[in-house]
Protein backbone atom coordinates (compact mmCIF):
# COMPACT_ATOMS: atom_id res chain seq x y z
CA MET A 1 -33.94 36.05 98.06
CA GLN A 2 -32.61 33.85 95.12
CA TYR A 3 -32.61 35.09 91.49
CA GLU A 4 -32.72 33.18 88.18
CA LEU A 5 -31.34 34.29 84.88
CA TRP A 6 -33.23 33.09 81.81
CA HIS A 7 -32.37 33.11 78.18
CA LEU A 8 -35.63 33.81 76.55
CA ARG A 9 -34.98 32.71 72.96
CA SER A 10 -33.86 29.21 74.02
CA GLY A 11 -36.01 29.02 77.07
CA ASN A 12 -33.01 27.88 79.17
CA LEU A 13 -32.19 28.75 82.68
CA LEU A 14 -28.69 30.14 82.53
CA GLU A 15 -27.82 30.47 86.23
CA CYS A 16 -29.30 30.84 89.75
CA PHE A 17 -27.94 33.31 92.21
CA ALA A 18 -28.01 33.84 95.89
CA SER A 19 -28.53 37.72 95.58
CA GLU A 20 -29.66 40.32 93.20
CA ARG A 21 -26.15 42.00 93.23
CA GLU A 22 -24.51 38.64 92.24
CA ALA A 23 -27.12 38.32 89.40
CA LEU A 24 -26.61 41.68 88.13
CA ILE A 25 -22.80 41.22 88.07
CA ALA A 26 -23.33 38.05 85.95
CA VAL A 27 -25.67 39.92 83.62
CA ARG A 28 -22.96 42.62 83.17
CA GLU A 29 -20.38 39.94 82.28
CA TYR A 30 -22.72 38.19 79.79
CA LEU A 31 -23.26 41.58 78.04
CA GLU A 32 -19.53 42.37 77.98
CA LEU A 33 -18.79 39.03 76.41
CA ASN A 34 -21.82 38.71 74.04
CA GLY A 35 -22.75 42.33 73.13
CA LEU A 36 -25.52 44.64 74.45
CA ASP A 37 -28.09 43.26 72.12
CA LEU A 38 -28.15 39.99 74.29
CA VAL A 39 -30.19 42.07 76.89
CA HIS A 40 -33.23 41.61 74.74
CA GLU A 41 -32.89 37.83 75.23
CA LEU A 42 -32.31 37.87 78.96
CA ALA A 43 -34.83 37.89 81.84
CA LEU A 44 -33.75 38.19 85.57
CA GLY A 45 -36.36 37.45 88.27
CA PRO A 46 -36.65 36.53 91.91
CA VAL A 47 -37.48 32.99 92.97
CA GLN A 48 -40.55 33.07 95.15
CA GLU A 49 -40.35 30.91 98.16
CA GLU A 50 -43.62 29.31 99.37
CA ALA A 51 -43.67 31.59 102.51
CA ASP A 52 -43.16 34.78 100.20
CA ALA A 53 -45.78 33.55 97.71
CA LEU A 54 -48.29 36.15 98.82
CA ASP A 55 -45.93 38.88 98.98
CA GLU A 56 -45.30 41.00 95.92
CA GLY A 57 -41.52 40.74 95.33
CA PRO A 58 -39.24 42.50 92.92
CA PRO A 59 -40.35 42.47 89.26
CA VAL A 60 -38.90 40.29 86.59
CA LEU A 61 -36.46 42.45 84.49
CA GLN A 62 -35.79 42.09 80.87
CA GLY A 63 -34.57 44.16 77.97
CA GLU A 64 -33.91 47.99 78.59
CA ALA A 65 -35.21 47.72 82.18
CA LEU A 66 -32.67 45.04 83.01
CA LEU A 67 -29.88 47.00 81.33
CA ALA A 68 -30.83 50.18 83.34
CA ARG A 69 -30.81 48.10 86.50
CA VAL A 70 -27.33 46.75 85.90
CA ARG A 71 -26.06 50.29 85.13
CA ARG A 72 -27.64 51.80 88.27
CA GLN A 73 -26.56 49.04 90.67
CA ILE A 74 -23.20 47.81 89.46
CA SER A 75 -20.17 50.05 88.90
CA VAL A 76 -18.22 48.94 85.83
CA PRO A 77 -14.49 49.77 86.04
CA SER A 78 -13.01 50.38 82.63
CA GLY A 79 -11.32 47.29 81.14
CA MET A 80 -12.55 45.00 83.80
CA GLY A 81 -12.69 41.42 82.74
CA GLY A 82 -14.98 38.69 84.08
CA THR A 83 -15.78 35.09 84.16
CA ALA A 84 -16.30 33.48 80.78
CA ARG A 85 -20.11 33.62 80.40
CA VAL A 86 -20.99 33.00 76.68
CA VAL A 87 -24.42 32.27 75.42
CA GLY A 88 -24.79 30.50 72.14
């Protein structure tokens, strides 16, 4: 299942991902580079394929729910850098 990361304030699609894990890693990197307050401007959700349209997929996550999911699913080694993902 693919995932999309949206910047809510601008209404822009930031990135598409092949998996939830890949998307959560990117969210973590955005937050590391832009500050934790950015989490209130992000939304991460699955892209429903036509065949999956009737199935209830994972929920769209934003704000504190998105931050909690990142913290639960992605271990964050101390001092780990990442790809430059700056919103602005």
